[in-house]
Protein backbone atom coordinates (compact mmCIF):
# COMPACT_ATOMS: atom_id res chain seq x y z
CA UNK A 1 35.19 -33.00 37.55
CA UNK A 2 31.45 -33.73 37.62
CA UNK A 3 31.98 -36.44 40.38
CA UNK A 4 34.02 -34.26 42.76
CA UNK A 5 31.38 -31.53 42.58
CA UNK A 6 28.71 -34.04 43.50
CA UNK A 7 30.71 -35.29 46.56
CA UNK A 8 31.34 -31.73 47.68
CA UNK A 9 27.62 -31.04 47.51
CA UNK A 10 26.81 -34.07 49.71
CA UNK A 11 29.39 -32.94 52.25
CA UNK A 12 27.90 -29.51 52.38
CA UNK A 13 24.42 -30.95 52.99
CA UNK A 14 25.76 -33.13 55.85
CA UNK A 15 27.54 -30.17 57.41
CA UNK A 16 24.41 -28.07 57.15
CA UNK A 17 22.43 -30.69 58.99
CA UNK A 18 24.92 -31.12 61.85
CA UNK A 19 26.19 -27.59 62.49
CA UNK A 20 23.57 -25.01 63.56
CA UNK A 21 25.32 -21.99 62.02
CA UNK A 22 26.68 -23.73 58.94
CA UNK A 23 24.04 -22.09 56.75
CA UNK A 24 25.90 -18.77 56.87
CA UNK A 25 29.08 -20.41 55.61
CA UNK A 26 27.17 -22.33 52.90
CA UNK A 27 25.38 -19.26 51.55
CA UNK A 28 28.63 -17.35 51.32
CA UNK A 29 30.14 -20.14 49.27
CA UNK A 30 27.09 -20.20 47.02
CA UNK A 31 27.46 -16.51 46.23
CA UNK A 32 30.93 -17.01 44.88
CA UNK A 33 29.91 -19.81 42.51
CA UNK A 34 26.56 -18.60 41.10
CA UNK A 35 26.19 -16.44 37.98
CA UNK A 36 25.97 -12.71 38.56
CA UNK A 37 22.38 -11.43 38.37
CA UNK A 38 21.62 -9.76 35.07
CA UNK A 39 20.09 -6.28 35.29
CA UNK A 40 17.18 -5.81 32.91
CA UNK A 41 17.55 -2.91 30.54
CA UNK A 42 14.41 -1.33 29.11
CA UNK A 43 14.90 -0.02 25.60
CA UNK A 44 12.39 2.44 24.09
CA UNK A 45 11.52 1.81 20.44
CA UNK A 46 9.74 3.94 17.85
CA UNK A 47 8.41 2.77 14.48
CA UNK A 48 7.25 5.38 11.97
CA UNK A 49 5.06 3.77 9.34
CA UNK A 50 3.20 4.55 6.17
CA UNK A 51 1.61 2.59 3.33
CA UNK A 52 0.40 3.00 -0.24
CA UNK A 53 2.40 6.08 -1.21
CA UNK A 54 1.85 5.37 -4.92
CA UNK A 55 4.33 8.05 -5.92
CA UNK A 56 2.27 10.94 -4.51
CA UNK A 57 5.41 12.82 -3.54
CA UNK A 58 3.82 16.26 -3.97
CA UNK A 59 0.53 15.62 -2.20
CA UNK A 60 -2.96 14.93 -3.52
CA UNK A 61 -5.02 18.00 -2.58
CA UNK A 62 -6.32 16.22 0.53
CA UNK A 63 -7.57 17.89 3.71
CA UNK A 64 -8.46 16.77 7.21
CA UNK A 65 -11.97 17.04 8.63
CA UNK A 66 -11.36 20.68 9.57
CA UNK A 67 -10.16 21.63 6.10
CA UNK A 68 -6.42 21.72 6.84
CA UNK A 69 -4.23 20.50 3.95
CA UNK A 70 -2.42 17.20 4.39
CA UNK A 71 0.11 15.34 2.27
CA UNK A 72 3.43 15.79 0.51
CA UNK A 73 6.65 13.92 1.18
CA UNK A 74 8.66 17.02 2.10
CA UNK A 75 6.13 17.63 4.86
CA UNK A 76 6.26 13.99 5.92
CA UNK A 77 10.05 14.21 6.10
CA UNK A 78 9.75 17.23 8.40
CA UNK A 79 7.06 15.57 10.54
CA UNK A 80 9.10 12.36 10.82
CA UNK A 81 12.15 14.31 11.94
CA UNK A 82 10.08 16.04 14.61
CA UNK A 83 8.66 12.72 15.81
CA UNK A 84 12.15 11.22 16.10
CA UNK A 85 13.60 14.25 17.87
CA UNK A 86 10.76 14.37 20.40
CA UNK A 87 11.13 10.63 21.08
CA UNK A 88 14.90 10.92 21.57
CA UNK A 89 14.46 13.88 23.92
CA UNK A 90 11.82 12.10 25.99
CA UNK A 91 14.05 9.08 26.57
CA UNK A 92 17.36 10.98 26.66
CA UNK A 93 18.75 9.10 23.66
CA UNK A 94 22.09 10.09 22.17
CA UNK A 95 20.71 10.13 18.62
CA UNK A 96 17.29 10.62 17.05
CA UNK A 97 17.89 7.68 14.72
CA UNK A 98 19.26 4.85 16.88
CA UNK A 99 15.95 3.68 18.36
CA UNK A 100 13.66 4.71 15.50
CA UNK A 101 12.94 2.75 12.31
CA UNK A 102 10.82 3.91 9.35
CA UNK A 103 8.81 1.29 7.46
CA UNK A 104 6.60 1.27 4.36
CA UNK A 105 3.93 -1.42 3.92
CA UNK A 106 3.96 -1.74 0.13
CA UNK A 107 2.76 0.07 -3.01
CA UNK A 108 5.47 2.67 -2.78
CA UNK A 109 5.17 2.96 -6.55
CA UNK A 110 2.63 2.26 -9.28
CA UNK A 111 -0.64 4.05 -9.99
CA UNK A 112 1.41 7.20 -9.54
CA UNK A 113 0.77 10.77 -10.69
CA UNK A 114 2.89 12.12 -13.53
CA UNK A 115 5.46 13.80 -11.25
CA UNK A 116 6.67 10.32 -10.30
CA UNK A 117 5.38 7.97 -13.02
CA UNK A 118 6.92 9.86 -15.95
CA UNK A 119 10.27 9.33 -14.26
CA UNK A 120 9.48 5.66 -13.59
CA UNK A 121 8.93 6.42 -9.88
CA UNK A 122 12.65 7.01 -9.39
CA UNK A 123 11.99 10.31 -7.52
CA UNK A 124 9.89 8.32 -5.05
CA UNK A 125 12.69 5.87 -4.38
CA UNK A 126 15.19 8.72 -4.00
CA UNK A 127 12.92 10.37 -1.43
CA UNK A 128 12.45 7.21 0.64
CA UNK A 129 16.23 6.87 0.64
CA UNK A 130 16.70 10.47 1.77
CA UNK A 131 14.26 9.82 4.63
CA UNK A 132 16.18 6.69 5.69
CA UNK A 133 13.36 4.20 5.29
CA UNK A 134 14.87 0.87 6.27
CA UNK A 135 12.14 -1.75 5.85
CA UNK A 136 9.49 -2.23 3.18
CA UNK A 137 7.28 -4.92 1.70
CA UNK A 138 6.32 -5.87 -1.81
CA UNK A 139 2.88 -4.58 -2.72
CA UNK A 140 0.79 -5.54 -5.72
CA UNK A 141 1.69 -2.32 -7.57
CA UNK A 142 5.39 -3.16 -7.43
CA UNK A 143 4.38 -5.73 -10.09
CA UNK A 144 2.73 -3.17 -12.43
CA UNK A 145 5.55 -3.25 -14.98
CA UNK A 146 6.98 -6.55 -13.78
CA UNK A 147 9.37 -7.30 -10.94
CA UNK A 148 12.40 -6.78 -13.17
CA UNK A 149 11.51 -3.10 -13.64
CA UNK A 150 10.77 -2.63 -9.94
CA UNK A 151 14.11 -4.17 -9.03
CA UNK A 152 15.80 -1.85 -11.53
CA UNK A 153 14.50 1.30 -9.84
CA UNK A 154 14.96 -0.17 -6.34
CA UNK A 155 18.58 -1.05 -7.08
CA UNK A 156 19.29 2.22 -8.88
CA UNK A 157 20.17 0.64 -12.21
CA UNK A 158 20.13 2.53 -15.49
CA UNK A 159 17.06 2.41 -17.76
CA UNK A 160 17.22 0.32 -20.91
CA UNK A 161 16.33 1.87 -24.25
CA UNK A 162 13.49 0.03 -25.93
CA UNK A 163 12.50 -1.71 -22.69
CA UNK A 164 12.12 0.91 -19.95
CA UNK A 165 8.97 2.99 -20.29
CA UNK A 166 9.46 6.78 -20.50
CA UNK A 167 13.09 6.17 -21.42
CA UNK A 168 13.60 9.63 -22.95
CA UNK A 169 12.49 11.32 -19.72
CA UNK A 170 14.35 9.08 -17.31
CA UNK A 171 17.59 8.31 -19.15
CA UNK A 172 19.49 11.24 -17.58
CA UNK A 173 17.71 11.28 -14.22
CA UNK A 174 20.01 10.80 -11.22
CA UNK A 175 19.20 7.60 -9.38
CA UNK A 176 20.22 6.22 -6.01
CA UNK A 177 20.40 2.63 -4.80
CA UNK A 178 17.80 2.14 -2.11
CA UNK A 179 18.85 1.36 1.45
CA UNK A 180 15.35 0.06 2.18
CA UNK A 181 15.13 -3.72 2.36
CA UNK A 182 12.05 -4.92 0.47
CA UNK A 183 10.71 -8.10 2.04
CA UNK A 184 8.52 -10.82 0.61
CA UNK A 185 7.84 -14.01 2.54
CA UNK A 186 4.89 -15.39 0.58
CA UNK A 187 5.65 -14.92 -3.13
CA UNK A 188 7.37 -17.94 -4.68
CA UNK A 189 8.54 -18.94 -8.14
CA UNK A 190 5.92 -21.22 -9.65
CA UNK A 191 8.51 -23.70 -10.96
CA UNK A 192 11.06 -23.85 -8.16
CA UNK A 193 8.67 -23.12 -5.26
CA UNK A 194 11.44 -20.95 -3.80
CA UNK A 195 11.05 -17.29 -2.87
CA UNK A 196 11.23 -14.98 -5.87
CA UNK A 197 14.79 -14.00 -6.63
CA UNK A 198 16.09 -10.80 -5.10
CA UNK A 199 13.81 -10.59 -2.06
CA UNK A 200 14.32 -11.84 1.49
CA UNK A 201 11.43 -13.09 3.65
CA UNK A 202 12.62 -11.16 6.69
CA UNK A 203 15.31 -8.94 8.11
CA UNK A 204 16.63 -8.41 11.64
CA UNK A 205 17.53 -5.05 13.13
CA UNK A 206 19.31 -4.51 16.44
CA UNK A 207 17.86 -1.83 18.72
CA UNK A 208 19.73 -1.24 21.96
CA UNK A 209 21.24 -4.71 21.70
CA UNK A 210 17.87 -6.44 21.21
CA UNK A 211 17.06 -8.09 17.89
CA UNK A 212 13.80 -7.11 16.18
CA UNK A 213 12.57 -9.18 13.24
CA UNK A 214 10.54 -7.83 10.31
CA UNK A 215 8.62 -10.18 7.98
CA UNK A 216 7.22 -8.96 4.64
CA UNK A 217 3.85 -10.09 3.29
CA UNK A 218 1.84 -9.21 0.16
CA UNK A 219 -1.94 -9.52 -0.25
CA UNK A 220 -3.17 -13.04 -1.03
CA UNK A 221 -5.35 -11.51 -3.78
CA UNK A 222 -2.40 -10.20 -5.80
CA UNK A 223 -3.24 -12.25 -8.88
CA UNK A 224 -6.68 -10.63 -8.99
CA UNK A 225 -5.30 -7.09 -9.11
CA UNK A 226 -2.18 -7.36 -11.30
CA UNK A 227 -1.85 -7.99 -15.04
CA UNK A 228 -1.65 -11.74 -15.59
CA UNK A 229 1.55 -11.41 -17.62
CA UNK A 230 3.36 -10.16 -14.52
CA UNK A 231 2.08 -12.84 -12.13
CA UNK A 232 1.78 -15.98 -14.25
CA UNK A 233 5.20 -17.23 -13.10
CA UNK A 234 4.54 -16.87 -9.36
CA UNK A 235 2.46 -18.50 -6.68
CA UNK A 236 1.25 -16.81 -3.51
CA UNK A 237 1.57 -18.69 -0.23
CA UNK A 238 -1.12 -18.13 2.39
CA UNK A 239 0.14 -15.18 4.49
CA UNK A 240 -0.48 -16.87 7.85
CA UNK A 241 1.35 -20.00 6.75
CA UNK A 242 4.33 -17.96 5.56
CA UNK A 243 4.41 -15.88 8.74
CA UNK A 244 4.33 -18.97 10.96
CA UNK A 245 7.23 -20.50 9.04
CA UNK A 246 9.45 -17.50 9.59
CA UNK A 247 8.44 -16.70 13.18
CA UNK A 248 9.70 -20.19 14.04
CA UNK A 249 12.91 -19.53 12.14
CA UNK A 250 13.44 -16.19 13.83
CA UNK A 251 12.80 -17.62 17.28
CA UNK A 252 15.59 -20.16 16.73
CA UNK A 253 17.87 -17.17 16.13
CA UNK A 254 16.87 -15.64 19.46
CA UNK A 255 14.50 -13.09 17.89
CA UNK A 256 11.41 -12.68 20.06
CA UNK A 257 10.30 -9.18 19.03
CA UNK A 258 8.59 -9.40 15.65
CA UNK A 259 6.87 -6.91 13.33
CA UNK A 260 4.96 -7.85 10.18
CA UNK A 261 5.11 -5.38 7.30
CA UNK A 262 2.12 -6.50 5.29
CA UNK A 263 0.63 -5.11 2.13
CA UNK A 264 -2.66 -6.68 3.06
CA UNK A 265 -6.02 -5.29 4.11
CA UNK A 266 -7.48 -4.58 7.52
CA UNK A 267 -10.75 -2.84 8.25
CA UNK A 268 -12.21 -1.29 11.37
CA UNK A 269 -15.73 -1.79 12.62
CA UNK A 270 -17.47 1.09 10.83
CA UNK A 271 -20.22 1.30 13.45
CA UNK A 272 -17.65 2.34 16.05
CA UNK A 273 -16.79 5.50 14.10
CA UNK A 274 -13.10 5.12 14.80
CA UNK A 275 -10.87 7.56 12.92
CA UNK A 276 -7.77 9.70 13.24
CA UNK A 277 -9.90 12.24 15.06
CA UNK A 278 -11.21 9.75 17.64
CA UNK A 279 -8.32 7.23 17.72
CA UNK A 280 -10.90 4.76 18.94
CA UNK A 281 -9.80 1.23 19.67
CA UNK A 282 -12.27 -0.96 17.85
CA UNK A 283 -12.85 -4.36 16.36
CA UNK A 284 -10.74 -5.24 13.35
CA UNK A 285 -11.41 -7.61 10.46
CA UNK A 286 -9.97 -8.56 7.10
CA UNK A 287 -6.96 -10.38 5.66
CA UNK A 288 -4.61 -9.26 8.46
CA UNK A 289 -6.82 -10.78 11.14
CA UNK A 290 -7.10 -13.99 9.11
CA UNK A 291 -3.29 -14.04 8.81
CA UNK A 292 -2.86 -13.77 12.58
CA UNK A 293 -5.44 -16.50 13.21
CA UNK A 294 -3.56 -18.89 10.93
CA UNK A 295 -0.17 -17.96 12.39
CA UNK A 296 -1.49 -18.50 15.92
CA UNK A 297 -2.72 -21.96 14.96
CA UNK A 298 0.48 -23.04 13.20
CA UNK A 299 2.88 -21.37 15.64
CA UNK A 300 1.20 -20.57 18.97
CA UNK A 301 4.51 -19.16 20.29
CA UNK A 302 4.93 -16.78 17.34
CA UNK A 303 5.52 -13.62 19.40
CA UNK A 304 4.13 -11.22 16.78
CA UNK A 305 3.94 -7.76 18.33
CA UNK A 306 2.84 -5.33 15.62
CA UNK A 307 1.51 -5.41 12.06
CA UNK A 308 1.81 -2.55 9.59
CA UNK A 309 -1.04 -3.07 7.12
CA UNK A 310 -1.90 -1.57 3.73
CA UNK A 311 -3.60 -2.21 0.39
CA UNK A 312 -7.16 -1.03 1.14
CA UNK A 313 -6.11 2.58 1.89
CA UNK A 314 -7.91 2.64 5.22
CA UNK A 315 -7.47 3.82 8.78
CA UNK A 316 -6.81 1.22 11.45
CA UNK A 317 -5.43 1.34 14.96
CA UNK A 318 -6.33 -1.47 17.28
CA UNK A 319 -5.29 -4.83 18.65
CA UNK A 320 -6.18 -8.43 17.93
CA UNK A 321 -5.04 -11.17 20.33
CA UNK A 322 -2.44 -8.82 21.79
CA UNK A 323 -1.04 -7.72 18.41
CA UNK A 324 -1.03 -4.02 17.54
CA UNK A 325 -2.37 -3.42 13.99
CA UNK A 326 -2.10 -0.09 12.19
CA UNK A 327 -2.80 1.37 8.76
CA UNK A 328 -2.61 5.05 7.78
CA UNK A 329 -4.77 5.72 4.72
CA UNK A 330 -2.70 6.38 1.55
CA UNK A 331 -0.78 8.90 -0.58
CA UNK A 332 1.16 10.17 2.48
CA UNK A 333 -1.93 11.84 3.91
CA UNK A 334 -1.22 10.19 7.26
CA UNK A 335 1.35 8.10 9.11
CA UNK A 336 1.55 5.79 12.11
CA UNK A 337 3.64 6.29 15.23
CA UNK A 338 4.13 2.99 17.06
CA UNK A 339 6.05 2.97 20.34
CA UNK A 340 7.00 0.25 22.78
CA UNK A 341 9.63 -0.96 25.23
CA UNK A 342 12.00 -3.86 24.68
CA UNK A 343 13.46 -5.93 27.51
CA UNK A 344 17.13 -6.90 27.37
CA UNK A 345 16.20 -9.90 29.52
CA UNK A 346 13.32 -11.41 27.51
CA UNK A 347 14.50 -9.97 24.17
CA UNK A 348 10.88 -9.03 23.53
CA UNK A 349 8.43 -6.19 24.01
CA UNK A 350 7.40 -5.80 27.63
CA UNK A 351 3.82 -5.08 26.55
CA UNK A 352 1.83 -4.65 23.33
CA UNK A 353 3.16 -1.53 21.60
CA UNK A 354 0.93 1.53 21.60
CA UNK A 355 0.15 3.59 18.50
CA UNK A 356 -1.31 6.76 17.14
CA UNK A 357 -2.26 7.53 13.55
CA UNK A 358 -1.54 11.15 12.64
CA UNK A 359 -2.28 13.36 9.69
CA UNK A 360 0.73 14.40 7.64
CA UNK A 361 -0.03 18.10 7.86
CA UNK A 362 1.36 20.06 4.93
CA UNK A 363 4.09 22.43 6.10
CA UNK A 364 5.01 25.85 4.74
CA UNK A 365 8.10 26.29 2.57
CA UNK A 366 9.79 28.14 5.43
CA UNK A 367 9.26 25.23 7.80
CA UNK A 368 10.38 22.67 5.22
CA UNK A 369 13.56 24.63 4.53
CA UNK A 370 14.36 24.72 8.27
CA UNK A 371 15.21 21.01 8.41
CA UNK A 372 18.02 19.34 6.46
CA UNK A 373 16.07 16.17 5.61
CA UNK A 374 12.83 17.86 4.55
CA UNK A 375 14.86 20.39 2.55
CA UNK A 376 16.61 17.55 0.71
CA UNK A 377 13.31 15.82 0.01
CA UNK A 378 11.79 19.07 -1.22
CA UNK A 379 14.70 19.51 -3.64
CA UNK A 380 13.95 16.07 -5.11
CA UNK A 381 10.27 16.97 -5.49
CA UNK A 382 11.00 20.32 -7.11
CA UNK A 383 13.51 18.78 -9.53
CA UNK A 384 10.92 16.22 -10.63
CA UNK A 385 8.31 18.95 -11.04
CA UNK A 386 10.66 20.93 -13.23
CA UNK A 387 11.44 17.97 -15.49
CA UNK A 388 7.88 16.72 -15.76
CA UNK A 389 6.21 20.12 -15.68
CA UNK A 390 7.42 20.98 -19.18
CA UNK A 391 4.88 18.46 -20.44
CA UNK A 392 2.43 17.92 -17.58
CA UNK A 393 1.60 21.56 -16.87
CA UNK A 394 0.34 22.11 -20.39
CA UNK A 395 -3.41 22.92 -20.41
CA UNK A 396 -5.55 20.54 -22.47
CA UNK A 397 -9.11 21.61 -21.62
CA UNK A 398 -11.32 23.59 -19.23
CA UNK A 399 -14.34 22.63 -17.13
CA UNK A 400 -17.07 24.39 -15.18
CA UNK A 401 -16.20 22.94 -11.74
CA UNK A 402 -13.13 22.67 -9.53
CA UNK A 403 -13.11 18.89 -9.74
CA UNK A 404 -14.83 15.78 -10.98
CA UNK A 405 -14.98 13.35 -8.06
CA UNK A 406 -13.90 9.70 -7.89
CA UNK A 407 -16.25 9.06 -4.95
CA UNK A 408 -18.41 6.09 -5.87
CA UNK A 409 -22.19 6.28 -5.68
CA UNK A 410 -22.62 2.81 -4.20
CA UNK A 411 -19.20 1.74 -2.89
CA UNK A 412 -17.76 -0.88 -3.22
CA UNK A 413 -19.49 -0.92 -6.60
CA UNK A 414 -18.59 1.64 -9.26
CA UNK A 415 -20.48 4.75 -10.23
CA UNK A 416 -18.16 7.73 -9.77
CA UNK A 417 -18.46 10.90 -11.82
CA UNK A 418 -14.85 10.73 -12.97
CA UNK A 419 -15.38 7.03 -13.76
CA UNK A 420 -18.24 8.07 -16.04
CA UNK A 421 -15.94 10.59 -17.70
CA UNK A 422 -13.17 8.02 -18.22
CA UNK A 423 -15.50 5.47 -19.81
CA UNK A 424 -17.12 8.16 -21.97
CA UNK A 425 -13.63 8.91 -23.25
CA UNK A 426 -12.88 5.24 -23.89
CA UNK A 427 -16.16 4.73 -25.72
CA UNK A 428 -15.48 7.76 -27.95
CA UNK A 429 -11.94 6.49 -28.58
CA UNK A 430 -13.22 3.04 -29.59
CA UNK A 431 -16.06 4.39 -31.74
CA UNK A 432 -13.55 6.48 -33.70
CA UNK A 433 -12.01 3.18 -34.79
CA UNK A 434 -15.23 1.16 -34.95
CA UNK A 435 -18.56 3.07 -34.81
CA UNK A 436 -20.45 -0.11 -33.92
CA UNK A 437 -18.93 -0.33 -30.40
CA UNK A 438 -21.79 -0.17 -27.88
CA UNK A 439 -20.32 0.00 -24.38
CA UNK A 440 -17.23 0.82 -22.35
CA UNK A 441 -16.13 -0.79 -19.07
CA UNK A 442 -13.21 0.03 -16.80
CA UNK A 443 -12.28 -1.08 -13.31
CA UNK A 444 -12.93 1.48 -10.57
CA UNK A 445 -9.54 0.76 -9.04
CA UNK A 446 -7.84 2.01 -12.21
CA UNK A 447 -9.43 5.44 -11.78
CA UNK A 448 -6.86 6.78 -9.35
CA UNK A 449 -7.89 10.31 -8.41
CA UNK A 450 -10.32 13.16 -8.79
CA UNK A 451 -9.90 15.25 -11.92
CA UNK A 452 -8.77 18.60 -10.52
CA UNK A 453 -8.82 21.93 -12.31
CA UNK A 454 -7.04 25.20 -11.60
CA UNK A 455 -9.31 28.25 -11.53
CA UNK A 456 -8.88 30.78 -14.30
CA UNK A 457 -11.58 33.47 -14.28
CA UNK A 458 -14.93 31.64 -14.52
CA UNK A 459 -13.58 28.24 -15.54
CA UNK A 460 -11.10 25.65 -14.34
CA UNK A 461 -8.10 24.60 -16.40
CA UNK A 462 -7.34 20.89 -16.79
CA UNK A 463 -3.66 20.11 -17.25
CA UNK A 464 -2.19 17.06 -18.94
CA UNK A 465 -0.74 16.02 -15.60
CA UNK A 466 -4.14 16.17 -13.88
CA UNK A 467 -5.60 13.95 -16.58
CA UNK A 468 -2.74 11.46 -16.37
CA UNK A 469 -3.19 11.33 -12.59
CA UNK A 470 -6.69 9.97 -13.16
CA UNK A 471 -5.54 7.26 -15.60
CA UNK A 472 -1.85 6.60 -14.90
CA UNK A 473 -1.42 2.91 -15.71
CA UNK A 474 -1.27 2.93 -19.48
CA UNK A 475 -3.37 -0.22 -19.89
CA UNK A 476 -4.11 -1.35 -23.44
CA UNK A 477 -7.69 -0.89 -24.63
CA UNK A 478 -9.25 -3.68 -26.67
CA UNK A 479 -12.55 -4.12 -28.48
CA UNK A 480 -14.34 -7.31 -27.43
CA UNK A 481 -17.58 -9.11 -28.19
CA UNK A 482 -19.95 -10.03 -25.38
CA UNK A 483 -23.47 -11.38 -25.36
CA UNK A 484 -26.11 -9.44 -23.46
CA UNK A 485 -26.03 -12.22 -20.89
CA UNK A 486 -22.27 -11.79 -20.45
CA UNK A 487 -22.68 -8.02 -20.09
CA UNK A 488 -25.14 -8.56 -17.26
CA UNK A 489 -22.87 -11.18 -15.68
CA UNK A 490 -19.83 -8.88 -15.87
CA UNK A 491 -21.70 -6.10 -14.08
CA UNK A 492 -22.95 -8.71 -11.63
CA UNK A 493 -19.37 -9.71 -10.78
CA UNK A 494 -19.43 -6.65 -8.48
CA UNK A 495 -21.76 -8.61 -6.20
CA UNK A 496 -19.43 -11.62 -5.99
CA UNK A 497 -16.15 -9.93 -5.18
CA UNK A 498 -15.51 -7.56 -8.10
CA UNK A 499 -13.86 -4.35 -6.94
CA UNK A 500 -16.09 -1.87 -8.78
CA UNK A 501 -16.94 -1.24 -12.43
CA UNK A 502 -17.38 2.05 -14.33
CA UNK A 503 -19.59 2.00 -17.43
CA UNK A 504 -20.58 4.02 -20.49
CA UNK A 505 -23.25 3.42 -23.14
CA UNK A 506 -25.59 1.72 -20.67
CA UNK A 507 -27.31 2.04 -17.31
CA UNK A 508 -28.43 -0.66 -14.91
CA UNK A 509 -30.60 -1.33 -11.90
CA UNK A 510 -29.78 -3.59 -8.99
CA UNK A 511 -30.99 -4.82 -5.63
CA UNK A 512 -29.32 -6.63 -2.76
CA UNK A 513 -29.29 -9.85 -4.78
CA UNK A 514 -27.49 -8.41 -7.80
CA UNK A 515 -28.21 -6.89 -11.20
CA UNK A 516 -31.89 -6.60 -12.14
CA UNK A 517 -31.88 -5.00 -15.61
CA UNK A 518 -29.39 -3.45 -18.03
CA UNK A 519 -30.48 -0.76 -20.46
CA UNK A 520 -29.00 0.62 -23.68
CA UNK A 521 -30.87 3.89 -23.93
CA UNK A 522 -34.47 3.11 -23.03
CA UNK A 523 -34.36 -0.51 -24.13
CA UNK A 524 -33.31 -3.53 -22.12
CA UNK A 525 -30.37 -5.32 -23.64
CA UNK A 526 -31.02 -8.71 -25.28
CA UNK A 527 -29.36 -11.65 -23.50
CA UNK A 528 -28.76 -13.42 -26.83
CA UNK A 529 -27.54 -10.45 -28.87
CA UNK A 530 -23.80 -9.94 -29.41
CA UNK A 531 -22.55 -6.48 -28.41
CA UNK A 532 -19.19 -4.79 -28.79
CA UNK A 533 -17.43 -3.16 -25.84
CA UNK A 534 -14.11 -1.49 -25.16
CA UNK A 535 -12.29 -2.97 -22.15
CA UNK A 536 -8.71 -2.71 -20.87
CA UNK A 537 -6.34 -5.67 -20.90
CA UNK A 538 -6.33 -5.82 -17.10
CA UNK A 539 -10.06 -6.63 -17.01
CA UNK A 540 -9.74 -9.04 -19.94
CA UNK A 541 -7.31 -10.99 -17.77
CA UNK A 542 -9.98 -11.21 -15.04
CA UNK A 543 -8.37 -8.47 -12.96
CA UNK A 544 -10.07 -7.02 -9.88
CA UNK A 545 -12.20 -10.16 -9.63
CA UNK A 546 -14.11 -9.79 -12.92
CA UNK A 547 -13.86 -13.32 -14.35
CA UNK A 548 -16.58 -12.82 -16.98
CA UNK A 549 -14.33 -10.61 -19.11
CA UNK A 550 -11.88 -13.50 -19.47
CA UNK A 551 -14.38 -15.22 -21.78
CA UNK A 552 -14.91 -12.14 -24.00
CA UNK A 553 -13.81 -12.49 -27.62
CA UNK A 554 -11.10 -9.94 -28.48
CA UNK A 555 -11.53 -8.57 -32.02
CA UNK A 556 -9.25 -5.51 -32.09
CA UNK A 557 -6.46 -3.76 -30.18
CA UNK A 558 -6.51 0.00 -29.63
CA UNK A 559 -4.12 2.35 -27.81
CA UNK A 560 -3.48 3.13 -24.15
CA UNK A 561 -6.23 4.19 -21.74
CA UNK A 562 -4.11 7.13 -20.55
CA UNK A 563 -3.82 8.47 -24.09
CA UNK A 564 -7.52 7.91 -24.75
CA UNK A 565 -8.49 9.99 -21.72
CA UNK A 566 -6.12 12.84 -22.54
CA UNK A 567 -7.29 12.86 -26.16
CA UNK A 568 -10.97 12.91 -25.13
CA UNK A 569 -10.51 15.90 -22.84
CA UNK A 570 -8.44 17.69 -25.48
CA UNK A 571 -11.17 17.15 -28.09
CA UNK A 572 -13.92 18.14 -25.66
CA UNK A 573 -12.18 21.48 -24.96
CA UNK A 574 -14.83 22.75 -22.50
CA UNK A 575 -16.19 20.03 -20.24
CA UNK A 576 -19.75 20.38 -18.92
CA UNK A 577 -19.48 18.34 -15.73
CA UNK A 578 -23.25 17.84 -15.56
CA UNK A 579 -22.87 15.28 -18.36
CA UNK A 580 -21.00 12.90 -16.06
CA UNK A 581 -22.62 13.45 -12.67
CA UNK A 582 -25.90 11.68 -13.54
CA UNK A 583 -25.78 8.17 -12.00
CA UNK A 584 -25.66 5.21 -14.36
CA UNK A 585 -26.82 2.74 -11.74
CA UNK A 586 -29.83 2.81 -9.45
CA UNK A 587 -31.25 0.59 -6.76
CA UNK A 588 -34.70 -0.98 -7.05
CA UNK A 589 -36.79 -3.13 -4.74
């Protein structure tokens, strides 16, 4: 067969050379034997993204720069439905769902307010299901109670008495099995070196006949921000190395369009002033950029098109080396709309996708009820409020201001007013058990929200739920011994990567080089003296990059930080906010 075709080809060449008009005959023959030309189809694609929901299904009292309220998952459901409908109309699509995919870049749960956390974040998972989220990534907070518990709520399994926290509240709550695939390409079992059981590194979705790959990544610093007991059996592979491994694998499967869903940080150039209001395209930096650099080195043909980032609760919308990178704050205050065009010929995006970060403007009840999806989501929210509200709406104290802020005096160090209040409460809690305790320390990242009050005449009522929203984790408080030198070193960890420290019982001064002096009252602490402090078990494990606490001597166990805070406010009765607004750190030359 091969030989006869070769002879025929030689004959045709000879005929072409000897007969002037033979070309016409030859071309006609060629047309009947060549493959029919493939017409390129251009397929419009829309990705709707969010990150770091943390169970804030009912909003977080946030506003945009003009004072308009933002947040709430019922509102996000409505806004997503409008985005999808407008996209489908623009491109004359048969359905609003076929070319649109919703993604969440990790920390769907954990660090949640009472409306979600008291029900083990099951309302949050039900809502994401109702909104048809299809792709997600493991975040560090999915590890808060261990991966087994996260998999339980993700898979819609029943709670276990004696094991599941808040069992009495959640035992009769209606669960659903999530349709969202949770991806994790860089977390491996320490013993087997294989990916942790139950999670895939990537998934592939078909849009208009073109395959689009999604790879899931978690922050490389996960062991610094999660209780050691939940991460001591895992190792974390460098994100760029993991991405390069699976972009190669996907390419072998004919997948050229690739999105990374990464619970990992990206920051914008602050000098550029880029924000939702400006949508400025600006320089990007952080773990995501490092990941792309490594992936480009290990797999130069990686074909990454877009990255959905998270973890540092920031705004980002820009490109690096032709890759679109987005992040939309946290707590459902904003979302990303990424659009692009796929080619049926190249099986890839024709150009770098474009994006806009938008506020999730809070909608009225009438608007929410007008859409089937947002109405369903609202029903889930209201049901959770009803169940939890029986306990969480109970007033425990009053205060003389509308809120106590979690804004830090010298970010990224600690020093927030509500952080001062939390540590005051922990110090009082510890001193009730042991009056000789001198100091209290807590990580700024564990102070999750402002303390909000509801106005009643001339004061503001603090509910149990508002207090729990500030301290939701339920970390165990312990009394430890530290030398004065260790105290200074622990505070100084903030200058070598520590993510912020709140303090009580002391004040300190600092300069650009680090801690200068630490004072207990008016006196400098003695480097050689042994002091007692109350610290949570997360910090004792070196969490949030505070290694000094790992060497502290534990001498007693107390209760939970959440309970300590609620008890302190209850005992205080009427909080004078001026007692916690005075800074406990100051800069010196």
